[in-house]
Amino acid sequence: PRRPDLVKPYKAAVIGPDELPPDFYALISLVFGLLGLTFKYKICSWVAVMACIGSLANLKSSEADFKQIACSVSFSVMGLIMNYFRKDLQ
């Protein structure tokens, strides 16, 4: 630097637990899991599973919410179970 006296060290901003950014993968997993479970769309259930895996892969331990994780995992898995192991009533 040309003026080393003006150089300031970087300090990360402190973010409170109420100001955390939303987890969009978990939201997508929950929405598509409900769509797959309600309307019996297999593609929605698979999208929910993939979004759930992406959400778990990008999860930080500081922002882990057990209820949200449990809901997204259960809806995506139950969507697959209900779509592939249902009885056809024809």
N, C-alpha and C. Protein backbone atom coordinates (compact mmCIF):
# COMPACT_ATOMS: atom_id res chain seq x y z
N PRO A 1 0.83 -1.19 0.00
CA PRO A 1 0.00 0.00 0.00
C PRO A 1 0.87 1.25 0.00
N ARG A 2 0.33 2.28 -0.59
CA ARG A 2 1.07 3.53 -0.67
C ARG A 2 1.08 4.25 0.67
N ARG A 3 -0.03 4.11 1.42
CA ARG A 3 -0.09 4.78 2.72
C ARG A 3 -0.42 3.74 3.78
N PRO A 4 0.56 3.10 4.35
CA PRO A 4 0.31 2.04 5.32
C PRO A 4 -0.37 2.53 6.60
N ASP A 5 -0.34 3.82 6.86
CA ASP A 5 -0.99 4.32 8.07
C ASP A 5 -2.52 4.32 7.94
N LEU A 6 -3.05 4.22 6.70
CA LEU A 6 -4.50 4.20 6.49
C LEU A 6 -5.07 2.78 6.39
N VAL A 7 -4.23 1.77 6.45
CA VAL A 7 -4.68 0.39 6.34
C VAL A 7 -5.33 -0.02 7.66
N LYS A 8 -6.56 -0.55 7.54
CA LYS A 8 -7.29 -1.01 8.72
C LYS A 8 -7.54 -2.51 8.59
N PRO A 9 -7.38 -3.26 9.67
CA PRO A 9 -7.64 -4.71 9.59
C PRO A 9 -9.14 -4.97 9.46
N TYR A 10 -9.45 -6.07 8.77
CA TYR A 10 -10.85 -6.44 8.56
C TYR A 10 -11.43 -7.04 9.82
N LYS A 11 -12.62 -6.58 10.18
CA LYS A 11 -13.36 -7.14 11.31
C LYS A 11 -14.73 -7.57 10.80
N ALA A 12 -15.04 -8.84 10.98
CA ALA A 12 -16.33 -9.36 10.52
C ALA A 12 -17.45 -8.80 11.38
N ALA A 13 -18.57 -8.50 10.73
CA ALA A 13 -19.72 -7.97 11.45
C ALA A 13 -20.35 -9.06 12.30
N VAL A 14 -20.75 -8.69 13.49
CA VAL A 14 -21.38 -9.65 14.40
C VAL A 14 -22.87 -9.70 14.07
N ILE A 15 -23.37 -10.90 13.77
CA ILE A 15 -24.77 -11.09 13.40
C ILE A 15 -25.46 -11.84 14.53
N GLY A 16 -26.56 -11.29 14.98
CA GLY A 16 -27.33 -11.93 16.05
C GLY A 16 -28.13 -13.10 15.53
N PRO A 17 -28.64 -13.93 16.41
CA PRO A 17 -29.41 -15.10 15.96
C PRO A 17 -30.72 -14.73 15.26
N ASP A 18 -31.26 -13.55 15.51
CA ASP A 18 -32.50 -13.14 14.84
C ASP A 18 -32.25 -12.58 13.45
N GLU A 19 -31.01 -12.28 13.13
CA GLU A 19 -30.68 -11.65 11.85
C GLU A 19 -30.02 -12.61 10.86
N LEU A 20 -30.08 -13.91 11.12
CA LEU A 20 -29.47 -14.88 10.21
C LEU A 20 -30.23 -14.94 8.89
N PRO A 21 -29.53 -15.12 7.79
CA PRO A 21 -30.23 -15.25 6.50
C PRO A 21 -31.02 -16.55 6.45
N PRO A 22 -32.13 -16.55 5.72
CA PRO A 22 -32.95 -17.77 5.66
C PRO A 22 -32.25 -18.87 4.86
N ASP A 23 -32.58 -20.09 5.19
CA ASP A 23 -32.04 -21.25 4.48
C ASP A 23 -33.03 -21.60 3.36
N PHE A 24 -32.71 -21.19 2.14
CA PHE A 24 -33.63 -21.37 1.03
C PHE A 24 -33.75 -22.84 0.62
N TYR A 25 -32.68 -23.61 0.77
CA TYR A 25 -32.78 -25.03 0.45
C TYR A 25 -33.79 -25.74 1.35
N ALA A 26 -33.78 -25.39 2.63
CA ALA A 26 -34.74 -26.01 3.56
C ALA A 26 -36.17 -25.58 3.21
N LEU A 27 -36.34 -24.33 2.83
CA LEU A 27 -37.67 -23.85 2.44
C LEU A 27 -38.15 -24.55 1.18
N ILE A 28 -37.28 -24.69 0.19
CA ILE A 28 -37.64 -25.38 -1.04
C ILE A 28 -37.96 -26.86 -0.74
N SER A 29 -37.17 -27.46 0.14
CA SER A 29 -37.42 -28.85 0.51
C SER A 29 -38.78 -29.01 1.18
N LEU A 30 -39.13 -28.09 2.04
CA LEU A 30 -40.41 -28.16 2.73
C LEU A 30 -41.58 -27.96 1.76
N VAL A 31 -41.47 -26.97 0.88
CA VAL A 31 -42.56 -26.68 -0.06
C VAL A 31 -42.75 -27.83 -1.05
N PHE A 32 -41.66 -28.30 -1.64
CA PHE A 32 -41.80 -29.38 -2.61
C PHE A 32 -42.17 -30.71 -1.95
N GLY A 33 -41.74 -30.90 -0.71
CA GLY A 33 -42.17 -32.09 0.01
C GLY A 33 -43.66 -32.09 0.25
N LEU A 34 -44.22 -30.94 0.61
CA LEU A 34 -45.67 -30.84 0.78
C LEU A 34 -46.40 -31.02 -0.54
N LEU A 35 -45.86 -30.45 -1.62
CA LEU A 35 -46.49 -30.62 -2.93
C LEU A 35 -46.46 -32.10 -3.36
N GLY A 36 -45.34 -32.75 -3.17
CA GLY A 36 -45.24 -34.16 -3.54
C GLY A 36 -46.14 -35.04 -2.70
N LEU A 37 -46.28 -34.69 -1.43
CA LEU A 37 -47.12 -35.47 -0.53
C LEU A 37 -48.60 -35.24 -0.81
N THR A 38 -48.95 -34.01 -1.11
CA THR A 38 -50.36 -33.66 -1.32
C THR A 38 -50.86 -34.09 -2.69
N PHE A 39 -50.11 -33.74 -3.74
CA PHE A 39 -50.58 -33.98 -5.10
C PHE A 39 -50.02 -35.25 -5.73
N LYS A 40 -49.21 -36.00 -4.98
CA LYS A 40 -48.63 -37.27 -5.44
C LYS A 40 -47.76 -37.09 -6.69
N TYR A 41 -46.99 -36.01 -6.72
CA TYR A 41 -46.03 -35.79 -7.80
C TYR A 41 -44.68 -36.34 -7.38
N LYS A 42 -44.17 -37.30 -8.13
CA LYS A 42 -42.89 -37.91 -7.78
C LYS A 42 -41.74 -36.93 -7.98
N ILE A 43 -41.83 -36.10 -9.02
CA ILE A 43 -40.73 -35.16 -9.29
C ILE A 43 -40.60 -34.14 -8.17
N CYS A 44 -41.72 -33.74 -7.58
CA CYS A 44 -41.67 -32.80 -6.45
C CYS A 44 -41.01 -33.45 -5.24
N SER A 45 -41.28 -34.72 -5.03
CA SER A 45 -40.66 -35.43 -3.91
C SER A 45 -39.16 -35.55 -4.12
N TRP A 46 -38.73 -35.81 -5.35
CA TRP A 46 -37.30 -35.91 -5.61
C TRP A 46 -36.61 -34.55 -5.49
N VAL A 47 -37.27 -33.50 -5.94
CA VAL A 47 -36.70 -32.15 -5.76
C VAL A 47 -36.57 -31.83 -4.28
N ALA A 48 -37.56 -32.24 -3.49
CA ALA A 48 -37.51 -32.01 -2.04
C ALA A 48 -36.34 -32.76 -1.41
N VAL A 49 -36.10 -33.98 -1.85
CA VAL A 49 -34.98 -34.75 -1.30
C VAL A 49 -33.65 -34.10 -1.67
N MET A 50 -33.51 -33.67 -2.92
CA MET A 50 -32.26 -33.03 -3.33
C MET A 50 -32.03 -31.71 -2.61
N ALA A 51 -33.10 -30.93 -2.43
CA ALA A 51 -32.96 -29.67 -1.70
C ALA A 51 -32.65 -29.92 -0.23
N CYS A 52 -33.19 -31.00 0.32
CA CYS A 52 -32.91 -31.36 1.71
C CYS A 52 -31.45 -31.75 1.87
N ILE A 53 -30.92 -32.50 0.93
CA ILE A 53 -29.51 -32.88 0.97
C ILE A 53 -28.63 -31.64 0.83
N GLY A 54 -29.01 -30.73 -0.06
CA GLY A 54 -28.26 -29.48 -0.20
C GLY A 54 -28.31 -28.63 1.05
N SER A 55 -29.45 -28.61 1.70
CA SER A 55 -29.59 -27.86 2.94
C SER A 55 -28.72 -28.45 4.04
N LEU A 56 -28.70 -29.76 4.15
CA LEU A 56 -27.87 -30.40 5.17
C LEU A 56 -26.38 -30.25 4.87
N ALA A 57 -26.02 -30.21 3.59
CA ALA A 57 -24.62 -30.06 3.22
C ALA A 57 -24.12 -28.63 3.50
N ASN A 58 -24.98 -27.65 3.36
CA ASN A 58 -24.59 -26.26 3.57
C ASN A 58 -24.88 -25.75 4.97
N LEU A 59 -25.28 -26.63 5.87
CA LEU A 59 -25.68 -26.24 7.21
C LEU A 59 -24.47 -25.90 8.06
N LYS A 60 -24.57 -24.79 8.76
CA LYS A 60 -23.54 -24.42 9.73
C LYS A 60 -24.06 -24.77 11.12
N SER A 61 -23.16 -25.14 11.99
CA SER A 61 -23.59 -25.55 13.32
C SER A 61 -24.17 -24.38 14.11
N SER A 62 -23.79 -23.16 13.77
CA SER A 62 -24.30 -22.00 14.51
C SER A 62 -25.74 -21.69 14.16
N GLU A 63 -26.19 -22.08 12.97
CA GLU A 63 -27.56 -21.76 12.57
C GLU A 63 -28.42 -23.01 12.42
N ALA A 64 -28.07 -24.07 13.11
CA ALA A 64 -28.83 -25.32 13.03
C ALA A 64 -30.11 -25.21 13.85
N ASP A 65 -31.23 -25.39 13.19
CA ASP A 65 -32.53 -25.40 13.87
C ASP A 65 -33.11 -26.79 13.70
N PHE A 66 -33.19 -27.52 14.80
CA PHE A 66 -33.58 -28.94 14.73
C PHE A 66 -34.99 -29.12 14.19
N LYS A 67 -35.92 -28.24 14.55
CA LYS A 67 -37.30 -28.39 14.09
C LYS A 67 -37.40 -28.24 12.58
N GLN A 68 -36.70 -27.25 12.04
CA GLN A 68 -36.75 -27.02 10.59
C GLN A 68 -36.09 -28.17 9.84
N ILE A 69 -34.98 -28.68 10.36
CA ILE A 69 -34.31 -29.81 9.72
C ILE A 69 -35.19 -31.04 9.76
N ALA A 70 -35.80 -31.30 10.91
CA ALA A 70 -36.66 -32.47 11.05
C ALA A 70 -37.87 -32.38 10.14
N CYS A 71 -38.47 -31.21 10.01
CA CYS A 71 -39.63 -31.04 9.13
C CYS A 71 -39.26 -31.27 7.67
N SER A 72 -38.17 -30.66 7.21
CA SER A 72 -37.81 -30.80 5.80
C SER A 72 -37.41 -32.24 5.47
N VAL A 73 -36.69 -32.90 6.36
CA VAL A 73 -36.30 -34.30 6.12
C VAL A 73 -37.52 -35.20 6.12
N SER A 74 -38.41 -35.01 7.10
CA SER A 74 -39.57 -35.90 7.20
C SER A 74 -40.53 -35.72 6.04
N PHE A 75 -40.78 -34.47 5.60
CA PHE A 75 -41.68 -34.27 4.48
C PHE A 75 -41.09 -34.81 3.18
N SER A 76 -39.80 -34.64 2.97
CA SER A 76 -39.22 -35.14 1.73
C SER A 76 -39.20 -36.68 1.70
N VAL A 77 -38.86 -37.30 2.82
CA VAL A 77 -38.84 -38.76 2.86
C VAL A 77 -40.25 -39.33 2.82
N MET A 78 -41.17 -38.73 3.53
CA MET A 78 -42.55 -39.23 3.51
C MET A 78 -43.19 -39.05 2.14
N GLY A 79 -42.81 -37.99 1.41
CA GLY A 79 -43.30 -37.83 0.05
C GLY A 79 -42.86 -38.97 -0.84
N LEU A 80 -41.59 -39.37 -0.72
CA LEU A 80 -41.11 -40.50 -1.52
C LEU A 80 -41.80 -41.80 -1.11
N ILE A 81 -41.94 -42.01 0.17
CA ILE A 81 -42.58 -43.24 0.65
C ILE A 81 -44.03 -43.31 0.18
N MET A 82 -44.75 -42.22 0.30
CA MET A 82 -46.16 -42.23 -0.11
C MET A 82 -46.32 -42.36 -1.62
N ASN A 83 -45.36 -41.86 -2.38
CA ASN A 83 -45.47 -41.96 -3.84
C ASN A 83 -45.09 -43.33 -4.37
N TYR A 84 -44.13 -43.98 -3.76
CA TYR A 84 -43.65 -45.25 -4.30
C TYR A 84 -44.24 -46.48 -3.63
N PHE A 85 -44.77 -46.35 -2.41
CA PHE A 85 -45.29 -47.51 -1.72
C PHE A 85 -46.80 -47.41 -1.45
N ARG A 86 -47.48 -46.66 -2.27
CA ARG A 86 -48.94 -46.53 -2.07
C ARG A 86 -49.67 -47.64 -2.81
N LYS A 87 -50.88 -47.89 -2.41
CA LYS A 87 -51.70 -48.85 -3.12
C LYS A 87 -52.53 -48.09 -4.15
N ASP A 88 -52.55 -48.59 -5.35
CA ASP A 88 -53.38 -47.97 -6.39
C ASP A 88 -54.82 -48.39 -6.19
N LEU A 89 -55.69 -47.44 -6.03
CA LEU A 89 -57.11 -47.72 -5.79
C LEU A 89 -57.88 -47.59 -7.10
N GLN A 90 -57.67 -48.52 -8.00
CA GLN A 90 -58.36 -48.46 -9.30
C GLN A 90 -59.31 -49.60 -9.45
